[in-house]
């Protein structure tokens, strides 16, 4: 996870769309599709939530991808896993702060 965060921090500005595509595909995959048991899937999803939160800061607040990340994180709250839900709750405040710079986007949500 630390390596993933380092990659996002160092290369997120230049590769934010590519990274988002990778993370988005994984978030939309099921445990069965990935060949994982529920526990392993929860750990992967927790990591993806953290990486998505880290990636969000590499987008301008008016970029539609910030809203996509927010939707992914809110959707992850449906995961019946405390570690995933806790990770989401820790990532939402910085993301809301980014979005609050664009008042029109916040009102549209």
PDB file of N, CA and C in Angstrom:
ATOM      1  N   UNK A   1       0.834  -1.198   0.000  1.00  0.00           N
ATOM      2  CA  UNK A   1       0.000   0.000   0.000  1.00  0.00           C
ATOM      3  C   UNK A   1       0.871   1.250   0.000  1.00  0.00           C
ATOM      4  N   UNK A   2       1.916   1.253   0.808  1.00  0.00           N
ATOM      5  CA  UNK A   2       2.807   2.416   0.842  1.00  0.00           C
ATOM      6  C   UNK A   2       3.450   2.667  -0.520  1.00  0.00           C
ATOM      7  N   UNK A   3       3.789   1.594  -1.221  1.00  0.00           N
ATOM      8  CA  UNK A   3       4.364   1.740  -2.561  1.00  0.00           C
ATOM      9  C   UNK A   3       3.338   2.348  -3.514  1.00  0.00           C
ATOM     10  N   UNK A   4       2.089   1.920  -3.404  1.00  0.00           N
ATOM     11  CA  UNK A   4       1.028   2.471  -4.238  1.00  0.00           C
ATOM     12  C   UNK A   4       0.812   3.949  -3.973  1.00  0.00           C
ATOM     13  N   UNK A   5       0.825   4.324  -2.711  1.00  0.00           N
ATOM     14  CA  UNK A   5       0.662   5.736  -2.346  1.00  0.00           C
ATOM     15  C   UNK A   5       1.830   6.548  -2.895  1.00  0.00           C
ATOM     16  N   UNK A   6       3.042   5.998  -2.814  1.00  0.00           N
ATOM     17  CA  UNK A   6       4.217   6.693  -3.341  1.00  0.00           C
ATOM     18  C   UNK A   6       4.097   6.886  -4.852  1.00  0.00           C
ATOM     19  N   UNK A   7       3.594   5.876  -5.539  1.00  0.00           N
ATOM     20  CA  UNK A   7       3.398   5.990  -6.994  1.00  0.00           C
ATOM     21  C   UNK A   7       2.379   7.082  -7.303  1.00  0.00           C
ATOM     22  N   UNK A   8       1.269   7.078  -6.584  1.00  0.00           N
ATOM     23  CA  UNK A   8       0.235   8.099  -6.803  1.00  0.00           C
ATOM     24  C   UNK A   8       0.797   9.483  -6.493  1.00  0.00           C
ATOM     25  N   UNK A   9       1.513   9.603  -5.385  1.00  0.00           N
ATOM     26  CA  UNK A   9       2.068  10.907  -5.004  1.00  0.00           C
ATOM     27  C   UNK A   9       3.072  11.426  -6.032  1.00  0.00           C
ATOM     28  N   UNK A  10       3.907  10.539  -6.542  1.00  0.00           N
ATOM     29  CA  UNK A  10       4.975  10.963  -7.446  1.00  0.00           C
ATOM     30  C   UNK A  10       4.542  11.092  -8.903  1.00  0.00           C
ATOM     31  N   UNK A  11       3.590  10.282  -9.325  1.00  0.00           N
ATOM     32  CA  UNK A  11       3.214  10.259 -10.736  1.00  0.00           C
ATOM     33  C   UNK A  11       1.751  10.612 -10.989  1.00  0.00           C
ATOM     34  N   UNK A  12       1.022  10.940  -9.938  1.00  0.00           N
ATOM     35  CA  UNK A  12      -0.402  11.224 -10.078  1.00  0.00           C
ATOM     36  C   UNK A  12      -0.723  12.394 -10.968  1.00  0.00           C
ATOM     37  N   UNK A  13       0.113  13.429 -10.941  1.00  0.00           N
ATOM     38  CA  UNK A  13      -0.172  14.601 -11.775  1.00  0.00           C
ATOM     39  C   UNK A  13      -0.131  14.259 -13.261  1.00  0.00           C
ATOM     40  N   UNK A  14       0.835  13.467 -13.662  1.00  0.00           N
ATOM     41  CA  UNK A  14       0.995  13.171 -15.075  1.00  0.00           C
ATOM     42  C   UNK A  14       0.222  11.963 -15.561  1.00  0.00           C
ATOM     43  N   UNK A  15      -0.228  11.139 -14.639  1.00  0.00           N
ATOM     44  CA  UNK A  15      -0.882   9.883 -15.021  1.00  0.00           C
ATOM     45  C   UNK A  15      -2.187   9.653 -14.260  1.00  0.00           C
ATOM     46  N   UNK A  16      -2.835  10.736 -13.834  1.00  0.00           N
ATOM     47  CA  UNK A  16      -4.024  10.590 -13.005  1.00  0.00           C
ATOM     48  C   UNK A  16      -5.159   9.836 -13.701  1.00  0.00           C
ATOM     49  N   UNK A  17      -5.353  10.084 -14.992  1.00  0.00           N
ATOM     50  CA  UNK A  17      -6.447   9.422 -15.708  1.00  0.00           C
ATOM     51  C   UNK A  17      -6.169   7.923 -15.841  1.00  0.00           C
ATOM     52  N   UNK A  18      -4.934   7.561 -16.164  1.00  0.00           N
ATOM     53  CA  UNK A  18      -4.581   6.145 -16.299  1.00  0.00           C
ATOM     54  C   UNK A  18      -4.715   5.410 -14.973  1.00  0.00           C
ATOM     55  N   UNK A  19      -4.243   6.052 -13.900  1.00  0.00           N
ATOM     56  CA  UNK A  19      -4.350   5.425 -12.576  1.00  0.00           C
ATOM     57  C   UNK A  19      -5.817   5.274 -12.171  1.00  0.00           C
ATOM     58  N   UNK A  20      -6.612   6.296 -12.427  1.00  0.00           N
ATOM     59  CA  UNK A  20      -8.030   6.221 -12.092  1.00  0.00           C
ATOM     60  C   UNK A  20      -8.700   5.078 -12.836  1.00  0.00           C
ATOM     61  N   UNK A  21      -8.353   4.893 -14.089  1.00  0.00           N
ATOM     62  CA  UNK A  21      -8.928   3.805 -14.880  1.00  0.00           C
ATOM     63  C   UNK A  21      -8.607   2.447 -14.258  1.00  0.00           C
ATOM     64  N   UNK A  22      -7.373   2.261 -13.836  1.00  0.00           N
ATOM     65  CA  UNK A  22      -6.962   1.001 -13.197  1.00  0.00           C
ATOM     66  C   UNK A  22      -7.731   0.789 -11.901  1.00  0.00           C
ATOM     67  N   UNK A  23      -7.768   1.823 -11.053  1.00  0.00           N
ATOM     68  CA  UNK A  23      -8.449   1.703  -9.764  1.00  0.00           C
ATOM     69  C   UNK A  23      -9.947   1.483  -9.951  1.00  0.00           C
ATOM     70  N   UNK A  24     -10.533   2.186 -10.919  1.00  0.00           N
ATOM     71  CA  UNK A  24     -11.966   2.072 -11.192  1.00  0.00           C
ATOM     72  C   UNK A  24     -12.321   0.646 -11.620  1.00  0.00           C
ATOM     73  N   UNK A  25     -11.520   0.064 -12.495  1.00  0.00           N
ATOM     74  CA  UNK A  25     -11.780  -1.312 -12.939  1.00  0.00           C
ATOM     75  C   UNK A  25     -11.726  -2.284 -11.770  1.00  0.00           C
ATOM     76  N   UNK A  26     -10.762  -2.092 -10.887  1.00  0.00           N
ATOM     77  CA  UNK A  26     -10.644  -2.978  -9.722  1.00  0.00           C
ATOM     78  C   UNK A  26     -11.823  -2.789  -8.758  1.00  0.00           C
ATOM     79  N   UNK A  27     -12.231  -1.535  -8.558  1.00  0.00           N
ATOM     80  CA  UNK A  27     -13.356  -1.262  -7.648  1.00  0.00           C
ATOM     81  C   UNK A  27     -14.644  -1.887  -8.165  1.00  0.00           C
ATOM     82  N   UNK A  28     -14.764  -1.991  -9.483  1.00  0.00           N
ATOM     83  CA  UNK A  28     -15.979  -2.536 -10.078  1.00  0.00           C
ATOM     84  C   UNK A  28     -15.909  -4.038 -10.320  1.00  0.00           C
ATOM     85  N   UNK A  29     -14.848  -4.667  -9.857  1.00  0.00           N
ATOM     86  CA  UNK A  29     -14.710  -6.117  -9.976  1.00  0.00           C
ATOM     87  C   UNK A  29     -15.185  -6.780  -8.692  1.00  0.00           C
ATOM     88  N   UNK A  30     -15.707  -7.968  -8.818  1.00  0.00           N
ATOM     89  CA  UNK A  30     -16.160  -8.710  -7.640  1.00  0.00           C
ATOM     90  C   UNK A  30     -15.027  -9.594  -7.119  1.00  0.00           C
ATOM     91  N   UNK A  31     -15.211 -10.098  -5.921  1.00  0.00           N
ATOM     92  CA  UNK A  31     -14.220 -11.008  -5.337  1.00  0.00           C
ATOM     93  C   UNK A  31     -14.043 -12.226  -6.231  1.00  0.00           C
ATOM     94  N   UNK A  32     -15.145 -12.743  -6.762  1.00  0.00           N
ATOM     95  CA  UNK A  32     -15.082 -13.927  -7.627  1.00  0.00           C
ATOM     96  C   UNK A  32     -14.305 -13.634  -8.909  1.00  0.00           C
ATOM     97  N   UNK A  33     -14.538 -12.460  -9.488  1.00  0.00           N
ATOM     98  CA  UNK A  33     -13.828 -12.095 -10.709  1.00  0.00           C
ATOM     99  C   UNK A  33     -12.321 -11.996 -10.477  1.00  0.00           C
ATOM    100  N   UNK A  34     -11.948 -11.576  -9.277  1.00  0.00           N
ATOM    101  CA  UNK A  34     -10.534 -11.436  -8.948  1.00  0.00           C
ATOM    102  C   UNK A  34      -9.943 -12.712  -8.354  1.00  0.00           C
ATOM    103  N   UNK A  35     -10.788 -13.717  -8.110  1.00  0.00           N
ATOM    104  CA  UNK A  35     -10.320 -14.973  -7.533  1.00  0.00           C
ATOM    105  C   UNK A  35      -9.913 -14.842  -6.074  1.00  0.00           C
ATOM    106  N   UNK A  36     -10.628 -13.996  -5.338  1.00  0.00           N
ATOM    107  CA  UNK A  36     -10.292 -13.731  -3.945  1.00  0.00           C
ATOM    108  C   UNK A  36     -11.409 -14.164  -3.014  1.00  0.00           C
ATOM    109  N   UNK A  37     -11.044 -14.477  -1.771  1.00  0.00           N
ATOM    110  CA  UNK A  37     -12.080 -14.710  -0.767  1.00  0.00           C
ATOM    111  C   UNK A  37     -12.521 -13.350  -0.224  1.00  0.00           C
ATOM    112  N   UNK A  38     -13.546 -13.336   0.610  1.00  0.00           N
ATOM    113  CA  UNK A  38     -14.107 -12.073   1.097  1.00  0.00           C
ATOM    114  C   UNK A  38     -13.084 -11.238   1.864  1.00  0.00           C
ATOM    115  N   UNK A  39     -12.287 -11.883   2.696  1.00  0.00           N
ATOM    116  CA  UNK A  39     -11.296 -11.155   3.487  1.00  0.00           C
ATOM    117  C   UNK A  39     -10.255 -10.500   2.582  1.00  0.00           C
ATOM    118  N   UNK A  40      -9.741 -11.244   1.617  1.00  0.00           N
ATOM    119  CA  UNK A  40      -8.752 -10.697   0.685  1.00  0.00           C
ATOM    120  C   UNK A  40      -9.351  -9.552  -0.134  1.00  0.00           C
ATOM    121  N   UNK A  41     -10.600  -9.727  -0.547  1.00  0.00           N
ATOM    122  CA  UNK A  41     -11.292  -8.699  -1.321  1.00  0.00           C
ATOM    123  C   UNK A  41     -11.457  -7.422  -0.502  1.00  0.00           C
ATOM    124  N   UNK A  42     -11.801  -7.557   0.775  1.00  0.00           N
ATOM    125  CA  UNK A  42     -11.935  -6.386   1.646  1.00  0.00           C
ATOM    126  C   UNK A  42     -10.615  -5.637   1.769  1.00  0.00           C
ATOM    127  N   UNK A  43      -9.515  -6.370   1.866  1.00  0.00           N
ATOM    128  CA  UNK A  43      -8.208  -5.722   1.967  1.00  0.00           C
ATOM    129  C   UNK A  43      -7.863  -4.977   0.675  1.00  0.00           C
ATOM    130  N   UNK A  44      -8.174  -5.593  -0.462  1.00  0.00           N
ATOM    131  CA  UNK A  44      -7.936  -4.939  -1.752  1.00  0.00           C
ATOM    132  C   UNK A  44      -8.795  -3.682  -1.862  1.00  0.00           C
ATOM    133  N   UNK A  45     -10.041  -3.806  -1.481  1.00  0.00           N
ATOM    134  CA  UNK A  45     -10.958  -2.662  -1.575  1.00  0.00           C
ATOM    135  C   UNK A  45     -10.519  -1.534  -0.641  1.00  0.00           C
ATOM    136  N   UNK A  46     -10.049  -1.892   0.543  1.00  0.00           N
ATOM    137  CA  UNK A  46      -9.539  -0.882   1.468  1.00  0.00           C
ATOM    138  C   UNK A  46      -8.365  -0.138   0.829  1.00  0.00           C
ATOM    139  N   UNK A  47      -7.457  -0.869   0.236  1.00  0.00           N
ATOM    140  CA  UNK A  47      -6.318  -0.246  -0.419  1.00  0.00           C
ATOM    141  C   UNK A  47      -6.743   0.649  -1.573  1.00  0.00           C
ATOM    142  N   UNK A  48      -7.713   0.203  -2.344  1.00  0.00           N
ATOM    143  CA  UNK A  48      -8.212   1.007  -3.459  1.00  0.00           C
ATOM    144  C   UNK A  48      -8.856   2.303  -2.978  1.00  0.00           C
ATOM    145  N   UNK A  49      -9.576   2.234  -1.884  1.00  0.00           N
ATOM    146  CA  UNK A  49     -10.194   3.430  -1.316  1.00  0.00           C
ATOM    147  C   UNK A  49      -9.105   4.436  -0.928  1.00  0.00           C
ATOM    148  N   UNK A  50      -8.056   3.952  -0.295  1.00  0.00           N
ATOM    149  CA  UNK A  50      -6.957   4.829   0.111  1.00  0.00           C
ATOM    150  C   UNK A  50      -6.271   5.426  -1.121  1.00  0.00           C
ATOM    151  N   UNK A  51      -6.035   4.602  -2.128  1.00  0.00           N
ATOM    152  CA  UNK A  51      -5.373   5.082  -3.341  1.00  0.00           C
ATOM    153  C   UNK A  51      -6.254   6.075  -4.103  1.00  0.00           C
ATOM    154  N   UNK A  52      -7.543   5.827  -4.160  1.00  0.00           N
ATOM    155  CA  UNK A  52      -8.455   6.776  -4.817  1.00  0.00           C
ATOM    156  C   UNK A  52      -8.450   8.120  -4.100  1.00  0.00           C
ATOM    157  N   UNK A  53      -8.456   8.073  -2.780  1.00  0.00           N
ATOM    158  CA  UNK A  53      -8.398   9.315  -2.003  1.00  0.00           C
ATOM    159  C   UNK A  53      -7.119  10.082  -2.264  1.00  0.00           C
ATOM    160  N   UNK A  54      -6.009   9.356  -2.357  1.00  0.00           N
ATOM    161  CA  UNK A  54      -4.720   9.996  -2.650  1.00  0.00           C
ATOM    162  C   UNK A  54      -4.699  10.559  -4.067  1.00  0.00           C
ATOM    163  N   UNK A  55      -5.333   9.877  -4.990  1.00  0.00           N
ATOM    164  CA  UNK A  55      -5.341  10.302  -6.381  1.00  0.00           C
ATOM    165  C   UNK A  55      -6.203  11.542  -6.598  1.00  0.00           C
ATOM    166  N   UNK A  56      -7.241  11.703  -5.810  1.00  0.00           N
ATOM    167  CA  UNK A  56      -8.186  12.810  -6.003  1.00  0.00           C
ATOM    168  C   UNK A  56      -7.502  14.169  -5.964  1.00  0.00           C
ATOM    169  N   UNK A  57      -6.463  14.307  -5.166  1.00  0.00           N
ATOM    170  CA  UNK A  57      -5.797  15.606  -5.054  1.00  0.00           C
ATOM    171  C   UNK A  57      -5.039  15.974  -6.329  1.00  0.00           C
ATOM    172  N   UNK A  58      -4.873  15.034  -7.241  1.00  0.00           N
ATOM    173  CA  UNK A  58      -4.154  15.295  -8.484  1.00  0.00           C
ATOM    174  C   UNK A  58      -5.085  15.748  -9.616  1.00  0.00           C
ATOM    175  N   UNK A  59      -6.348  15.961  -9.294  1.00  0.00           N
ATOM    176  CA  UNK A  59      -7.314  16.476 -10.255  1.00  0.00           C
ATOM    177  C   UNK A  59      -7.745  17.870  -9.826  1.00  0.00           C
ATOM    178  N   UNK A  60      -8.041  18.713 -10.784  1.00  0.00           N
ATOM    179  CA  UNK A  60      -8.619  20.011 -10.505  1.00  0.00           C
ATOM    180  C   UNK A  60     -10.021  19.794  -9.933  1.00  0.00           C
ATOM    181  N   UNK A  61     -10.448  20.667  -9.052  1.00  0.00           N
ATOM    182  CA  UNK A  61     -11.749  20.492  -8.395  1.00  0.00           C
ATOM    183  C   UNK A  61     -12.913  20.467  -9.384  1.00  0.00           C
ATOM    184  N   UNK A  62     -12.740  21.072 -10.550  1.00  0.00           N
ATOM    185  CA  UNK A  62     -13.818  21.098 -11.536  1.00  0.00           C
ATOM    186  C   UNK A  62     -13.811  19.870 -12.445  1.00  0.00           C
ATOM    187  N   UNK A  63     -12.820  19.016 -12.312  1.00  0.00           N
ATOM    188  CA  UNK A  63     -12.708  17.831 -13.151  1.00  0.00           C
ATOM    189  C   UNK A  63     -13.766  16.802 -12.752  1.00  0.00           C
ATOM    190  N   UNK A  64     -14.454  16.261 -13.737  1.00  0.00           N
ATOM    191  CA  UNK A  64     -15.516  15.279 -13.490  1.00  0.00           C
ATOM    192  C   UNK A  64     -14.994  14.043 -12.752  1.00  0.00           C
ATOM    193  N   UNK A  65     -13.710  13.745 -12.871  1.00  0.00           N
ATOM    194  CA  UNK A  65     -13.149  12.564 -12.223  1.00  0.00           C
ATOM    195  C   UNK A  65     -13.166  12.668 -10.702  1.00  0.00           C
ATOM    196  N   UNK A  66     -13.136  13.879 -10.175  1.00  0.00           N
ATOM    197  CA  UNK A  66     -13.220  14.047  -8.722  1.00  0.00           C
ATOM    198  C   UNK A  66     -14.578  13.554  -8.241  1.00  0.00           C
ATOM    199  N   UNK A  67     -15.622  13.879  -8.998  1.00  0.00           N
ATOM    200  CA  UNK A  67     -16.962  13.396  -8.638  1.00  0.00           C
ATOM    201  C   UNK A  67     -17.055  11.883  -8.789  1.00  0.00           C
ATOM    202  N   UNK A  68     -16.394  11.352  -9.804  1.00  0.00           N
ATOM    203  CA  UNK A  68     -16.360   9.897  -9.983  1.00  0.00           C
ATOM    204  C   UNK A  68     -15.707   9.221  -8.788  1.00  0.00           C
ATOM    205  N   UNK A  69     -14.610   9.786  -8.316  1.00  0.00           N
ATOM    206  CA  UNK A  69     -13.930   9.226  -7.139  1.00  0.00           C
ATOM    207  C   UNK A  69     -14.846   9.295  -5.926  1.00  0.00           C
ATOM    208  N   UNK A  70     -15.516  10.420  -5.748  1.00  0.00           N
ATOM    209  CA  UNK A  70     -16.447  10.555  -4.626  1.00  0.00           C
ATOM    210  C   UNK A  70     -17.542   9.490  -4.709  1.00  0.00           C
ATOM    211  N   UNK A  71     -18.085   9.286  -5.894  1.00  0.00           N
ATOM    212  CA  UNK A  71     -19.123   8.270  -6.080  1.00  0.00           C
ATOM    213  C   UNK A  71     -18.580   6.871  -5.769  1.00  0.00           C
ATOM    214  N   UNK A  72     -17.346   6.590  -6.182  1.00  0.00           N
ATOM    215  CA  UNK A  72     -16.730   5.291  -5.890  1.00  0.00           C
ATOM    216  C   UNK A  72     -16.598   5.095  -4.382  1.00  0.00           C
ATOM    217  N   UNK A  73     -16.157   6.135  -3.692  1.00  0.00           N
ATOM    218  CA  UNK A  73     -15.979   6.017  -2.242  1.00  0.00           C
ATOM    219  C   UNK A  73     -17.317   5.843  -1.532  1.00  0.00           C
ATOM    220  N   UNK A  74     -18.299   6.605  -1.942  1.00  0.00           N
ATOM    221  CA  UNK A  74     -19.617   6.461  -1.322  1.00  0.00           C
ATOM    222  C   UNK A  74     -20.184   5.071  -1.622  1.00  0.00           C
ATOM    223  N   UNK A  75     -19.991   4.592  -2.840  1.00  0.00           N
ATOM    224  CA  UNK A  75     -20.438   3.239  -3.190  1.00  0.00           C
ATOM    225  C   UNK A  75     -19.741   2.172  -2.357  1.00  0.00           C
ATOM    226  N   UNK A  76     -18.486   2.422  -1.997  1.00  0.00           N
ATOM    227  CA  UNK A  76     -17.739   1.450  -1.185  1.00  0.00           C
ATOM    228  C   UNK A  76     -18.297   1.339   0.228  1.00  0.00           C
ATOM    229  N   UNK A  77     -19.081   2.317   0.657  1.00  0.00           N
ATOM    230  CA  UNK A  77     -19.699   2.233   1.985  1.00  0.00           C
ATOM    231  C   UNK A  77     -20.681   1.072   2.082  1.00  0.00           C
ATOM    232  N   UNK A  78     -21.164   0.590   0.942  1.00  0.00           N
ATOM    233  CA  UNK A  78     -22.067  -0.562   0.935  1.00  0.00           C
ATOM    234  C   UNK A  78     -21.347  -1.869   1.268  1.00  0.00           C
ATOM    235  N   UNK A  79     -20.028  -1.845   1.207  1.00  0.00           N
ATOM    236  CA  UNK A  79     -19.248  -3.043   1.524  1.00  0.00           C
ATOM    237  C   UNK A  79     -19.420  -3.357   3.002  1.00  0.00           C
ATOM    238  N   UNK A  80     -19.858  -4.564   3.328  1.00  0.00           N
ATOM    239  CA  UNK A  80     -20.075  -4.898   4.741  1.00  0.00           C
ATOM    240  C   UNK A  80     -18.760  -5.222   5.469  1.00  0.00           C
ATOM    241  N   UNK A  81     -17.850  -4.283   5.401  1.00  0.00           N
ATOM    242  CA  UNK A  81     -16.545  -4.464   6.021  1.00  0.00           C
ATOM    243  C   UNK A  81     -16.177  -3.190   6.764  1.00  0.00           C
ATOM    244  N   UNK A  82     -15.909  -3.335   8.050  1.00  0.00           N
ATOM    245  CA  UNK A  82     -15.575  -2.164   8.853  1.00  0.00           C
ATOM    246  C   UNK A  82     -14.290  -1.495   8.364  1.00  0.00           C
ATOM    247  N   UNK A  83     -13.295  -2.283   7.943  1.00  0.00           N
ATOM    248  CA  UNK A  83     -12.042  -1.667   7.508  1.00  0.00           C
ATOM    249  C   UNK A  83     -12.239  -0.831   6.242  1.00  0.00           C
ATOM    250  N   UNK A  84     -13.090  -1.289   5.348  1.00  0.00           N
ATOM    251  CA  UNK A  84     -13.369  -0.524   4.133  1.00  0.00           C
ATOM    252  C   UNK A  84     -14.152   0.734   4.495  1.00  0.00           C
ATOM    253  N   UNK A  85     -15.175   0.595   5.327  1.00  0.00           N
ATOM    254  CA  UNK A  85     -15.996   1.735   5.710  1.00  0.00           C
ATOM    255  C   UNK A  85     -15.172   2.787   6.459  1.00  0.00           C
ATOM    256  N   UNK A  86     -14.283   2.342   7.316  1.00  0.00           N
ATOM    257  CA  UNK A  86     -13.420   3.270   8.051  1.00  0.00           C
ATOM    258  C   UNK A  86     -12.492   4.009   7.081  1.00  0.00           C
ATOM    259  N   UNK A  87     -11.944   3.279   6.122  1.00  0.00           N
ATOM    260  CA  UNK A  87     -11.067   3.907   5.130  1.00  0.00           C
ATOM    261  C   UNK A  87     -11.819   4.966   4.329  1.00  0.00           C
ATOM    262  N   UNK A  88     -13.045   4.658   3.957  1.00  0.00           N
ATOM    263  CA  UNK A  88     -13.859   5.629   3.221  1.00  0.00           C
ATOM    264  C   UNK A  88     -14.075   6.877   4.083  1.00  0.00           C
ATOM    265  N   UNK A  89     -14.447   6.672   5.335  1.00  0.00           N
ATOM    266  CA  UNK A  89     -14.729   7.817   6.205  1.00  0.00           C
ATOM    267  C   UNK A  89     -13.499   8.703   6.401  1.00  0.00           C
ATOM    268  N   UNK A  90     -12.315   8.127   6.307  1.00  0.00           N
ATOM    269  CA  UNK A  90     -11.094   8.918   6.438  1.00  0.00           C
ATOM    270  C   UNK A  90     -10.741   9.652   5.148  1.00  0.00           C
ATOM    271  N   UNK A  91     -11.236   9.184   4.018  1.00  0.00           N
ATOM    272  CA  UNK A  91     -10.910   9.788   2.725  1.00  0.00           C
ATOM    273  C   UNK A  91     -11.924  10.842   2.293  1.00  0.00           C
ATOM    274  N   UNK A  92     -13.121  10.803   2.840  1.00  0.00           N
ATOM    275  CA  UNK A  92     -14.155  11.744   2.406  1.00  0.00           C
ATOM    276  C   UNK A  92     -13.868  13.207   2.758  1.00  0.00           C
ATOM    277  N   UNK A  93     -13.431  13.541   3.973  1.00  0.00           N
ATOM    278  CA  UNK A  93     -13.221  14.971   4.284  1.00  0.00           C
ATOM    279  C   UNK A  93     -12.260  15.695   3.334  1.00  0.00           C
ATOM    280  N   UNK A  94     -11.075  15.125   2.998  1.00  0.00           N
ATOM    281  CA  UNK A  94     -10.214  15.845   2.050  1.00  0.00           C
ATOM    282  C   UNK A  94     -10.850  15.978   0.661  1.00  0.00           C
ATOM    283  N   UNK A  95     -11.622  14.978   0.268  1.00  0.00           N
ATOM    284  CA  UNK A  95     -12.269  15.020  -1.033  1.00  0.00           C
ATOM    285  C   UNK A  95     -13.366  16.082  -1.061  1.00  0.00           C
ATOM    286  N   UNK A  96     -14.119  16.185   0.006  1.00  0.00           N
ATOM    287  CA  UNK A  96     -15.150  17.223   0.105  1.00  0.00           C
ATOM    288  C   UNK A  96     -14.498  18.600   0.091  1.00  0.00           C
ATOM    289  N   UNK A  97     -13.337  18.712   0.723  1.00  0.00           N
ATOM    290  CA  UNK A  97     -12.623  19.988   0.724  1.00  0.00           C
ATOM    291  C   UNK A  97     -12.224  20.379  -0.700  1.00  0.00           C
ATOM    292  N   UNK A  98     -11.768  19.415  -1.486  1.00  0.00           N
ATOM    293  CA  UNK A  98     -11.417  19.671  -2.881  1.00  0.00           C
ATOM    294  C   UNK A  98     -12.655  20.122  -3.655  1.00  0.00           C
ATOM    295  N   UNK A  99     -13.747  19.396  -3.465  1.00  0.00           N
ATOM    296  CA  UNK A  99     -14.973  19.715  -4.195  1.00  0.00           C
ATOM    297  C   UNK A  99     -15.588  21.032  -3.742  1.00  0.00           C
ATOM    298  N   UNK A 100     -15.366  21.412  -2.498  1.00  0.00           N
ATOM    299  CA  UNK A 100     -15.974  22.651  -2.006  1.00  0.00           C
ATOM    300  C   UNK A 100     -15.411  23.879  -2.722  1.00  0.00           C
ATOM    301  N   UNK A 101     -14.274  23.713  -3.405  1.00  0.00           N
ATOM    302  CA  UNK A 101     -13.717  24.813  -4.197  1.00  0.00           C
ATOM    303  C   UNK A 101     -14.592  25.105  -5.403  1.00  0.00           C
ATOM    304  N   UNK A 102     -15.384  24.121  -5.800  1.00  0.00           N
ATOM    305  CA  UNK A 102     -16.285  24.279  -6.953  1.00  0.00           C
ATOM    306  C   UNK A 102     -17.723  24.221  -6.427  1.00  0.00           C
ATOM    307  N   UNK A 103     -18.257  25.364  -6.049  1.00  0.00           N
ATOM    308  CA  UNK A 103     -19.579  25.419  -5.442  1.00  0.00           C
ATOM    309  C   UNK A 103     -20.677  24.871  -6.364  1.00  0.00           C
ATOM    310  N   UNK A 104     -20.529  25.089  -7.674  1.00  0.00           N
ATOM    311  CA  UNK A 104     -21.535  24.574  -8.612  1.00  0.00           C
ATOM    312  C   UNK A 104     -21.574  23.050  -8.580  1.00  0.00           C
ATOM    313  N   UNK A 105     -20.412  22.426  -8.500  1.00  0.00           N
ATOM    314  CA  UNK A 105     -20.345  20.953  -8.449  1.00  0.00           C
ATOM    315  C   UNK A 105     -20.994  20.438  -7.159  1.00  0.00           C
ATOM    316  N   UNK A 106     -20.751  21.132  -6.072  1.00  0.00           N
ATOM    317  CA  UNK A 106     -21.331  20.703  -4.798  1.00  0.00           C
ATOM    318  C   UNK A 106     -22.855  20.830  -4.833  1.00  0.00           C
ATOM    319  N   UNK A 107     -23.362  21.879  -5.433  1.00  0.00           N
ATOM    320  CA  UNK A 107     -24.818  22.054  -5.495  1.00  0.00           C
ATOM    321  C   UNK A 107     -25.449  21.035  -6.422  1.00  0.00           C
ATOM    322  N   UNK A 108     -24.720  20.609  -7.435  1.00  0.00           N
ATOM    323  CA  UNK A 108     -25.252  19.612  -8.366  1.00  0.00           C
ATOM    324  C   UNK A 108     -25.345  18.231  -7.729  1.00  0.00           C
ATOM    325  N   UNK A 109     -24.577  18.022  -6.678  1.00  0.00           N
ATOM    326  CA  UNK A 109     -24.594  16.715  -6.023  1.00  0.00           C
ATOM    327  C   UNK A 109     -25.741  16.689  -5.056  1.00  0.00           C
TER     328      UNK A 109
END
